[in-house]
Amino acid sequence: MSEEHLRFMESALKEAEKGLSEGGIPIGAVLVKDGVIIGRGHNRRIQEGSSILHAEIDCLQKAGRLKAADYQKCVIYTTLSPCDMCAGAILLYKIPVVVVGENENFKGPEEYLQSRGVTLVNLNSDKCKQFMKGFIAKKPGLWSEDIGV
């Protein structure tokens, strides 16, 4: 596990903590281009009354409009495996690398992303696992709503 991956995942975790402190679902993401964070986001579905503001979507939105070539030089870090919607955005913008904190609490279409040429790195982070597991135990209704169950 590279130091760079750990450093950027720590930034994604800070976003997840921010989301939780706002009363939301604790998932965070950062978009990195050339070793620099250009977008940060966290799940804001509850806070904004939104059906789509997952961490990855919030992160992409906050990165602003980029050229297609810019997205293709990015890595997106997310504390939890991306869902179908977020995976679709990753594919749409041709982000070549996704680094996930963990996929035990939720596993999105990782194989599909890989089949479409995306490199997926799972850090299998105990910190990410425990953080999400604790939230799910405390607020199973919000969690079910977030993942469409």
C-alpha atoms as a PDB file:
ATOM      1  CA  MET A   1       0.000   0.000   0.000  1.00  0.00           C
ATOM      2  CA  SER A   2       1.581   3.259  -1.083  1.00  0.00           C
ATOM      3  CA  GLU A   3       2.042   6.238   1.199  1.00  0.00           C
ATOM      4  CA  GLU A   4       0.305   8.364  -1.412  1.00  0.00           C
ATOM      5  CA  HIS A   5      -2.799   6.155  -1.328  1.00  0.00           C
ATOM      6  CA  LEU A   6      -2.879   6.309   2.465  1.00  0.00           C
ATOM      7  CA  ARG A   7      -2.481  10.087   2.489  1.00  0.00           C
ATOM      8  CA  PHE A   8      -5.293  10.701   0.034  1.00  0.00           C
ATOM      9  CA  MET A   9      -7.552   8.143   1.708  1.00  0.00           C
ATOM     10  CA  GLU A  10      -7.030  10.024   4.965  1.00  0.00           C
ATOM     11  CA  SER A  11      -8.376  13.129   3.195  1.00  0.00           C
ATOM     12  CA  ALA A  12     -11.391  11.143   1.989  1.00  0.00           C
ATOM     13  CA  LEU A  13     -11.951   9.937   5.560  1.00  0.00           C
ATOM     14  CA  LYS A  14     -11.921  13.545   6.786  1.00  0.00           C
ATOM     15  CA  GLU A  15     -14.694  14.234   4.291  1.00  0.00           C
ATOM     16  CA  ALA A  16     -16.635  11.232   5.637  1.00  0.00           C
ATOM     17  CA  GLU A  17     -16.223  12.548   9.187  1.00  0.00           C
ATOM     18  CA  LYS A  18     -17.470  15.951   8.040  1.00  0.00           C
ATOM     19  CA  GLY A  19     -20.555  14.327   6.542  1.00  0.00           C
ATOM     20  CA  LEU A  20     -21.287  12.468   9.764  1.00  0.00           C
ATOM     21  CA  SER A  21     -20.854  15.649  11.831  1.00  0.00           C
ATOM     22  CA  GLU A  22     -23.470  17.311   9.588  1.00  0.00           C
ATOM     23  CA  GLY A  23     -25.958  14.499  10.268  1.00  0.00           C
ATOM     24  CA  GLY A  24     -25.287  12.714   6.997  1.00  0.00           C
ATOM     25  CA  ILE A  25     -23.952   9.393   5.825  1.00  0.00           C
ATOM     26  CA  PRO A  26     -20.197   9.062   6.455  1.00  0.00           C
ATOM     27  CA  ILE A  27     -18.735   8.450   3.032  1.00  0.00           C
ATOM     28  CA  GLY A  28     -16.045  10.727   1.622  1.00  0.00           C
ATOM     29  CA  ALA A  29     -14.156  11.145  -1.620  1.00  0.00           C
ATOM     30  CA  VAL A  30     -11.338  13.173  -3.128  1.00  0.00           C
ATOM     31  CA  LEU A  31     -10.346  13.624  -6.759  1.00  0.00           C
ATOM     32  CA  VAL A  32      -6.598  13.809  -7.354  1.00  0.00           C
ATOM     33  CA  LYS A  33      -4.807  15.026 -10.482  1.00  0.00           C
ATOM     34  CA  ASP A  34      -1.030  14.992 -10.725  1.00  0.00           C
ATOM     35  CA  GLY A  35      -0.697  14.395  -6.986  1.00  0.00           C
ATOM     36  CA  VAL A  36      -2.937  17.331  -5.996  1.00  0.00           C
ATOM     37  CA  ILE A  37      -6.485  17.195  -4.632  1.00  0.00           C
ATOM     38  CA  ILE A  38      -8.709  19.108  -7.046  1.00  0.00           C
ATOM     39  CA  GLY A  39     -12.073  18.083  -5.609  1.00  0.00           C
ATOM     40  CA  ARG A  40     -13.420  17.018  -2.224  1.00  0.00           C
ATOM     41  CA  GLY A  41     -16.835  15.744  -1.317  1.00  0.00           C
ATOM     42  CA  HIS A  42     -18.933  13.747   1.067  1.00  0.00           C
ATOM     43  CA  ASN A  43     -22.331  12.159   0.957  1.00  0.00           C
ATOM     44  CA  ARG A  44     -24.792  15.050   1.344  1.00  0.00           C
ATOM     45  CA  ARG A  45     -28.058  13.331   0.494  1.00  0.00           C
ATOM     46  CA  ILE A  46     -29.548  13.946   3.940  1.00  0.00           C
ATOM     47  CA  GLN A  47     -28.176  17.452   4.388  1.00  0.00           C
ATOM     48  CA  GLU A  48     -29.389  18.658   0.969  1.00  0.00           C
ATOM     49  CA  GLY A  49     -32.513  16.494   0.626  1.00  0.00           C
ATOM     50  CA  SER A  50     -30.923  15.096  -2.533  1.00  0.00           C
ATOM     51  CA  SER A  51     -31.413  11.779  -4.253  1.00  0.00           C
ATOM     52  CA  ILE A  52     -27.988  11.847  -5.916  1.00  0.00           C
ATOM     53  CA  LEU A  53     -25.381  13.593  -3.759  1.00  0.00           C
ATOM     54  CA  HIS A  54     -23.233  10.590  -2.983  1.00  0.00           C
ATOM     55  CA  ALA A  55     -19.646  11.381  -1.990  1.00  0.00           C
ATOM     56  CA  GLU A  56     -18.199  10.726  -5.435  1.00  0.00           C
ATOM     57  CA  ILE A  57     -20.842  12.881  -7.160  1.00  0.00           C
ATOM     58  CA  ASP A  58     -20.346  15.704  -4.635  1.00  0.00           C
ATOM     59  CA  CYS A  59     -16.597  15.464  -5.156  1.00  0.00           C
ATOM     60  CA  LEU A  60     -16.905  15.630  -8.961  1.00  0.00           C
ATOM     61  CA  GLN A  61     -19.301  18.555  -8.697  1.00  0.00           C
ATOM     62  CA  LYS A  62     -16.945  20.468  -6.428  1.00  0.00           C
ATOM     63  CA  ALA A  63     -14.018  19.815  -8.774  1.00  0.00           C
ATOM     64  CA  GLY A  64     -15.934  21.864 -11.322  1.00  0.00           C
ATOM     65  CA  ARG A  65     -15.893  21.533 -15.068  1.00  0.00           C
ATOM     66  CA  LEU A  66     -12.804  19.809 -16.345  1.00  0.00           C
ATOM     67  CA  LYS A  67     -11.673  18.874 -19.811  1.00  0.00           C
ATOM     68  CA  ALA A  68     -11.989  15.222 -20.750  1.00  0.00           C
ATOM     69  CA  ALA A  69      -8.204  14.942 -20.843  1.00  0.00           C
ATOM     70  CA  ASP A  70      -8.013  16.191 -17.243  1.00  0.00           C
ATOM     71  CA  TYR A  71     -10.362  13.506 -15.898  1.00  0.00           C
ATOM     72  CA  GLN A  72      -8.235  10.914 -17.659  1.00  0.00           C
ATOM     73  CA  LYS A  73      -5.261  11.970 -15.505  1.00  0.00           C
ATOM     74  CA  CYS A  74      -7.187  11.633 -12.227  1.00  0.00           C
ATOM     75  CA  VAL A  75      -7.534   9.146  -9.426  1.00  0.00           C
ATOM     76  CA  ILE A  76     -10.670   9.148  -7.319  1.00  0.00           C
ATOM     77  CA  TYR A  77     -10.383   8.025  -3.706  1.00  0.00           C
ATOM     78  CA  THR A  78     -13.549   6.951  -1.925  1.00  0.00           C
ATOM     79  CA  THR A  79     -13.968   5.498   1.543  1.00  0.00           C
ATOM     80  CA  LEU A  80     -16.469   2.916   0.284  1.00  0.00           C
ATOM     81  CA  SER A  81     -16.847   0.958  -2.941  1.00  0.00           C
ATOM     82  CA  PRO A  82     -18.787   3.113  -5.433  1.00  0.00           C
ATOM     83  CA  CYS A  83     -22.417   2.306  -6.224  1.00  0.00           C
ATOM     84  CA  ASP A  84     -23.833   1.911  -9.737  1.00  0.00           C
ATOM     85  CA  MET A  85     -24.536   5.645 -10.074  1.00  0.00           C
ATOM     86  CA  CYS A  86     -21.060   6.693  -8.986  1.00  0.00           C
ATOM     87  CA  ALA A  87     -19.443   3.973 -11.087  1.00  0.00           C
ATOM     88  CA  GLY A  88     -21.368   5.369 -14.048  1.00  0.00           C
ATOM     89  CA  ALA A  89     -19.928   8.839 -13.451  1.00  0.00           C
ATOM     90  CA  ILE A  90     -16.434   7.353 -13.190  1.00  0.00           C
ATOM     91  CA  LEU A  91     -16.943   5.603 -16.523  1.00  0.00           C
ATOM     92  CA  LEU A  92     -18.558   8.638 -18.164  1.00  0.00           C
ATOM     93  CA  TYR A  93     -15.545  10.808 -17.393  1.00  0.00           C
ATOM     94  CA  LYS A  94     -13.060   8.001 -18.020  1.00  0.00           C
ATOM     95  CA  ILE A  95     -11.365   8.315 -14.633  1.00  0.00           C
ATOM     96  CA  PRO A  96      -8.792   5.539 -14.940  1.00  0.00           C
ATOM     97  CA  VAL A  97      -8.107   4.685 -11.283  1.00  0.00           C
ATOM     98  CA  VAL A  98     -10.422   4.238  -8.301  1.00  0.00           C
ATOM     99  CA  VAL A  99      -8.984   3.648  -4.838  1.00  0.00           C
ATOM    100  CA  VAL A 100     -11.543   2.396  -2.316  1.00  0.00           C
ATOM    101  CA  GLY A 101     -11.114   2.306   1.427  1.00  0.00           C
ATOM    102  CA  GLU A 102     -13.144  -0.874   1.747  1.00  0.00           C
ATOM    103  CA  ASN A 103     -15.850  -3.002   0.159  1.00  0.00           C
ATOM    104  CA  GLU A 104     -17.056  -5.198   3.037  1.00  0.00           C
ATOM    105  CA  ASN A 105     -19.937  -2.965   4.133  1.00  0.00           C
ATOM    106  CA  PHE A 106     -20.982  -2.395   0.530  1.00  0.00           C
ATOM    107  CA  LYS A 107     -19.601  -3.653  -2.744  1.00  0.00           C
ATOM    108  CA  GLY A 108     -20.565  -1.843  -5.896  1.00  0.00           C
ATOM    109  CA  PRO A 109     -19.970  -2.987  -9.484  1.00  0.00           C
ATOM    110  CA  GLU A 110     -16.209  -3.270  -9.119  1.00  0.00           C
ATOM    111  CA  GLU A 111     -15.864  -6.076 -11.661  1.00  0.00           C
ATOM    112  CA  TYR A 112     -17.795  -4.038 -14.201  1.00  0.00           C
ATOM    113  CA  LEU A 113     -15.512  -1.039 -13.661  1.00  0.00           C
ATOM    114  CA  GLN A 114     -12.503  -3.291 -14.150  1.00  0.00           C
ATOM    115  CA  SER A 115     -14.015  -4.871 -17.261  1.00  0.00           C
ATOM    116  CA  ARG A 116     -14.255  -1.357 -18.703  1.00  0.00           C
ATOM    117  CA  GLY A 117     -10.555  -0.706 -18.102  1.00  0.00           C
ATOM    118  CA  VAL A 118     -10.647   1.037 -14.713  1.00  0.00           C
ATOM    119  CA  THR A 119      -7.881   0.089 -12.298  1.00  0.00           C
ATOM    120  CA  LEU A 120      -9.420  -0.552  -8.898  1.00  0.00           C
ATOM    121  CA  VAL A 121      -7.343  -0.616  -5.727  1.00  0.00           C
ATOM    122  CA  ASN A 122      -8.943  -1.765  -2.469  1.00  0.00           C
ATOM    123  CA  LEU A 123      -6.999  -0.581   0.575  1.00  0.00           C
ATOM    124  CA  ASN A 124      -9.083  -2.902   2.788  1.00  0.00           C
ATOM    125  CA  SER A 125      -8.832  -0.255   5.520  1.00  0.00           C
ATOM    126  CA  ASP A 126      -9.906  -1.342   8.988  1.00  0.00           C
ATOM    127  CA  LYS A 127     -10.525   2.312   9.838  1.00  0.00           C
ATOM    128  CA  CYS A 128     -12.917   2.723   6.889  1.00  0.00           C
ATOM    129  CA  LYS A 129     -14.638  -0.583   7.693  1.00  0.00           C
ATOM    130  CA  GLN A 130     -15.211   0.224  11.351  1.00  0.00           C
ATOM    131  CA  PHE A 131     -16.337   3.771  10.629  1.00  0.00           C
ATOM    132  CA  MET A 132     -19.017   2.612   8.183  1.00  0.00           C
ATOM    133  CA  LYS A 133     -19.998  -0.440  10.221  1.00  0.00           C
ATOM    134  CA  GLY A 134     -20.625   1.754  13.275  1.00  0.00           C
ATOM    135  CA  PHE A 135     -22.845   4.087  11.272  1.00  0.00           C
ATOM    136  CA  ILE A 136     -24.852   1.230   9.749  1.00  0.00           C
ATOM    137  CA  ALA A 137     -25.457  -0.239  13.223  1.00  0.00           C
ATOM    138  CA  LYS A 138     -26.663   3.134  14.566  1.00  0.00           C
ATOM    139  CA  LYS A 139     -28.737   4.241  11.565  1.00  0.00           C
ATOM    140  CA  PRO A 140     -29.774   1.226   9.465  1.00  0.00           C
ATOM    141  CA  GLY A 141     -32.768   3.087   8.005  1.00  0.00           C
ATOM    142  CA  LEU A 142     -30.655   5.894   6.579  1.00  0.00           C
ATOM    143  CA  TRP A 143     -28.156   3.384   5.263  1.00  0.00           C
ATOM    144  CA  SER A 144     -30.874   1.362   3.505  1.00  0.00           C
ATOM    145  CA  GLU A 145     -32.269   4.536   1.968  1.00  0.00           C
ATOM    146  CA  ASP A 146     -28.848   5.555   0.707  1.00  0.00           C
ATOM    147  CA  ILE A 147     -28.136   2.297  -1.086  1.00  0.00           C
ATOM    148  CA  GLY A 148     -31.664   1.900  -2.435  1.00  0.00           C
ATOM    149  CA  VAL A 149     -32.794  -1.049  -0.355  1.00  0.00           C
END
